[in-house]
Amino acid sequence: MLCFHKRLLSLIQFSLLLSLSGCGHLGNDELAESVEESSVCEHQWLLESLSVDGREHRSRLLWKKLLRDRPYFTCDKLGYVRGSAGINPYLGRFALSDSGEISWPQVPAISRMSDARGSSDLEKDYLKALPQTDNLTVKGDSLILRSESGATRLEFKRIEGMPR
């Protein structure tokens, strides 16, 4: 057991030496990227407003009563994005740079529920809008995904628990 601890300590010291010398695997830019992505992925985000192709969806009284039917966004450190598109769950992948640029190597797609409920207009627009975004910013308790042209914009509010 003592041998294992010595080897582990040596490995930790070697890793620290590499990072201090600038030869480590994670440079400052990569570290900033992982911190940014993890801060986004540490929270759950509930849709407040959506604008795509000239159509707008805003939080209404009905949305507030039916949180479970309101789109939400979560992600993990591997870049998987999941949540509910409103009626059906979705899954996709994204990549986030340290400057907030976002790309979609796997476009989010829904997995129909067993009762095969059809998609609402909100759900269709939500799934259309996500891969059109190329910029992500966090301002306070808001997450904003938008396209460079400004034609597509999704705004989410941070929530503590999953919608029910």
Protein backbone atom coordinates (compact mmCIF):
# COMPACT_ATOMS: atom_id res chain seq x y z
CA MET A 1 0.00 0.00 0.00
CA LEU A 2 2.88 2.34 0.81
CA CYS A 3 4.30 1.75 -2.68
CA PHE A 4 0.97 2.76 -4.23
CA HIS A 5 0.89 6.03 -2.27
CA LYS A 6 4.49 6.87 -3.26
CA ARG A 7 3.67 6.25 -6.93
CA LEU A 8 0.53 8.37 -6.67
CA LEU A 9 2.43 11.20 -5.00
CA SER A 10 5.12 11.04 -7.71
CA LEU A 11 2.44 11.19 -10.41
CA ILE A 12 0.80 14.21 -8.78
CA GLN A 13 4.15 15.99 -8.45
CA PHE A 14 4.98 15.25 -12.08
CA SER A 15 1.59 16.58 -13.22
CA LEU A 16 2.07 19.77 -11.21
CA LEU A 17 5.55 20.23 -12.64
CA LEU A 18 4.23 19.86 -16.21
CA SER A 19 1.40 22.31 -15.66
CA LEU A 20 3.72 24.89 -14.07
CA SER A 21 6.20 24.58 -16.92
CA GLY A 22 3.51 25.15 -19.54
CA CYS A 23 3.85 21.66 -21.00
CA GLY A 24 0.77 20.20 -19.41
CA HIS A 25 -2.14 18.79 -21.36
CA LEU A 26 -4.54 21.55 -20.33
CA GLY A 27 -3.44 25.01 -21.32
CA ASN A 28 -5.04 28.16 -19.95
CA ASP A 29 -7.52 28.36 -22.85
CA GLU A 30 -8.60 24.76 -22.42
CA LEU A 31 -8.99 25.24 -18.68
CA ALA A 32 -11.13 28.34 -19.23
CA GLU A 33 -13.28 26.36 -21.69
CA SER A 34 -13.87 23.54 -19.26
CA VAL A 35 -14.72 25.98 -16.45
CA GLU A 36 -17.21 27.84 -18.67
CA GLU A 37 -18.87 24.66 -19.89
CA SER A 38 -19.04 23.21 -16.40
CA SER A 39 -20.67 26.38 -15.05
CA VAL A 40 -23.40 26.06 -17.68
CA CYS A 41 -23.77 22.33 -17.14
CA GLU A 42 -23.96 22.59 -13.35
CA HIS A 43 -27.45 24.03 -13.67
CA GLN A 44 -30.81 23.28 -15.23
CA TRP A 45 -32.37 25.91 -17.49
CA LEU A 46 -36.08 26.52 -18.15
CA LEU A 47 -37.11 28.27 -21.38
CA GLU A 48 -38.35 31.85 -20.94
CA SER A 49 -38.49 33.01 -24.56
CA LEU A 50 -37.73 31.77 -28.05
CA SER A 51 -37.47 33.56 -31.37
CA VAL A 52 -36.88 31.70 -34.64
CA ASP A 53 -37.77 32.55 -38.25
CA GLY A 54 -39.82 35.57 -37.15
CA ARG A 55 -41.95 33.55 -34.72
CA GLU A 56 -41.77 34.31 -31.02
CA HIS A 57 -42.76 32.27 -28.00
CA ARG A 58 -42.71 34.00 -24.62
CA SER A 59 -43.40 32.81 -21.12
CA ARG A 60 -47.13 33.04 -20.49
CA LEU A 61 -49.38 32.25 -17.56
CA LEU A 62 -50.13 28.84 -19.14
CA TRP A 63 -46.40 28.04 -19.22
CA LYS A 64 -46.14 28.82 -15.53
CA LYS A 65 -48.93 26.41 -14.67
CA LEU A 66 -47.61 23.59 -16.85
CA LEU A 67 -43.88 23.57 -16.08
CA ARG A 68 -43.60 19.93 -17.13
CA ASP A 69 -44.63 20.88 -20.69
CA ARG A 70 -42.15 23.74 -20.89
CA PRO A 71 -38.84 23.15 -22.72
CA TYR A 72 -35.75 22.89 -20.55
CA PHE A 73 -32.04 22.47 -21.19
CA THR A 74 -29.39 20.51 -19.30
CA CYS A 75 -25.94 19.36 -20.33
CA ASP A 76 -22.97 17.43 -19.01
CA LYS A 77 -19.20 17.75 -19.16
CA LEU A 78 -19.08 15.36 -22.15
CA GLY A 79 -21.12 17.82 -24.24
CA TYR A 80 -24.42 15.97 -24.21
CA VAL A 81 -27.48 18.20 -24.20
CA ARG A 82 -30.79 16.82 -23.00
CA GLY A 83 -34.11 17.90 -21.65
CA SER A 84 -37.67 18.21 -22.76
CA ALA A 85 -38.62 20.02 -25.93
CA GLY A 86 -42.05 20.67 -24.41
CA ILE A 87 -43.79 17.36 -24.95
CA ASN A 88 -41.06 14.87 -25.82
CA PRO A 89 -37.52 14.42 -24.45
CA TYR A 90 -34.53 15.27 -26.64
CA LEU A 91 -30.83 14.44 -26.79
CA GLY A 92 -27.95 15.98 -28.74
CA ARG A 93 -24.33 17.11 -28.42
CA PHE A 94 -22.71 20.50 -28.45
CA ALA A 95 -19.19 21.89 -28.20
CA LEU A 96 -18.45 25.15 -26.41
CA SER A 97 -15.33 27.29 -26.84
CA ASP A 98 -13.92 29.59 -24.19
CA SER A 99 -15.22 32.58 -26.16
CA GLY A 100 -18.80 31.27 -25.99
CA GLU A 101 -18.97 29.94 -29.55
CA ILE A 102 -21.16 26.87 -29.74
CA SER A 103 -21.36 24.17 -32.40
CA TRP A 104 -23.68 21.19 -32.74
CA PRO A 105 -21.88 17.98 -33.82
CA GLN A 106 -25.08 16.04 -33.03
CA VAL A 107 -28.25 18.04 -33.66
CA PRO A 108 -30.75 17.60 -30.81
CA ALA A 109 -33.50 15.18 -31.76
CA ILE A 110 -36.59 14.04 -29.88
CA SER A 111 -37.35 10.58 -28.63
CA ARG A 112 -41.12 10.20 -28.84
CA MET A 113 -42.90 9.24 -25.65
CA SER A 114 -44.66 5.89 -25.60
CA ASP A 115 -48.07 7.52 -26.00
CA ALA A 116 -46.80 9.06 -29.28
CA ARG A 117 -47.97 12.59 -28.57
CA GLY A 118 -47.47 14.88 -31.52
CA SER A 119 -45.16 17.88 -31.35
CA SER A 120 -46.56 21.32 -30.55
CA ASP A 121 -45.50 24.43 -32.49
CA LEU A 122 -43.33 25.41 -29.52
CA GLU A 123 -41.57 22.04 -29.53
CA LYS A 124 -40.96 22.16 -33.30
CA ASP A 125 -39.57 25.70 -33.09
CA TYR A 126 -37.42 24.83 -30.06
CA LEU A 127 -35.79 21.88 -31.82
CA LYS A 128 -35.32 23.95 -34.97
CA ALA A 129 -33.77 26.86 -33.03
CA LEU A 130 -31.19 24.99 -30.93
CA PRO A 131 -28.85 23.93 -33.79
CA GLN A 132 -29.17 27.38 -35.41
CA THR A 133 -27.45 28.97 -32.42
CA ASP A 134 -23.72 29.61 -32.46
CA ASN A 135 -23.19 31.74 -29.35
CA LEU A 136 -23.81 31.05 -25.67
CA THR A 137 -23.68 33.58 -22.82
CA VAL A 138 -24.61 33.45 -19.16
CA LYS A 139 -25.80 36.65 -17.49
CA GLY A 140 -26.77 36.25 -13.87
CA ASP A 141 -29.43 33.54 -13.75
CA SER A 142 -30.06 33.70 -17.52
CA LEU A 143 -28.63 31.49 -20.25
CA ILE A 144 -28.85 32.97 -23.76
CA LEU A 145 -28.29 30.98 -26.95
CA ARG A 146 -28.39 32.99 -30.15
CA SER A 147 -27.35 32.97 -33.78
CA GLU A 148 -24.76 35.41 -35.05
CA SER A 149 -27.38 37.01 -37.31
CA GLY A 150 -29.72 37.53 -34.34
CA ALA A 151 -32.58 35.76 -36.14
CA THR A 152 -32.60 32.95 -33.57
CA ARG A 153 -32.56 33.51 -29.81
CA LEU A 154 -33.43 31.30 -26.84
CA GLU A 155 -33.41 32.63 -23.29
CA PHE A 156 -33.54 30.34 -20.27
CA LYS A 157 -33.78 30.96 -16.52
CA ARG A 158 -31.79 28.87 -14.08
CA ILE A 159 -33.95 26.58 -11.94
CA GLU A 160 -33.15 24.55 -8.85
CA GLY A 161 -35.20 21.42 -9.51
CA MET A 162 -36.37 19.62 -12.58
CA PRO A 163 -39.80 20.61 -13.91
CA ARG A 164 -42.58 18.24 -12.84
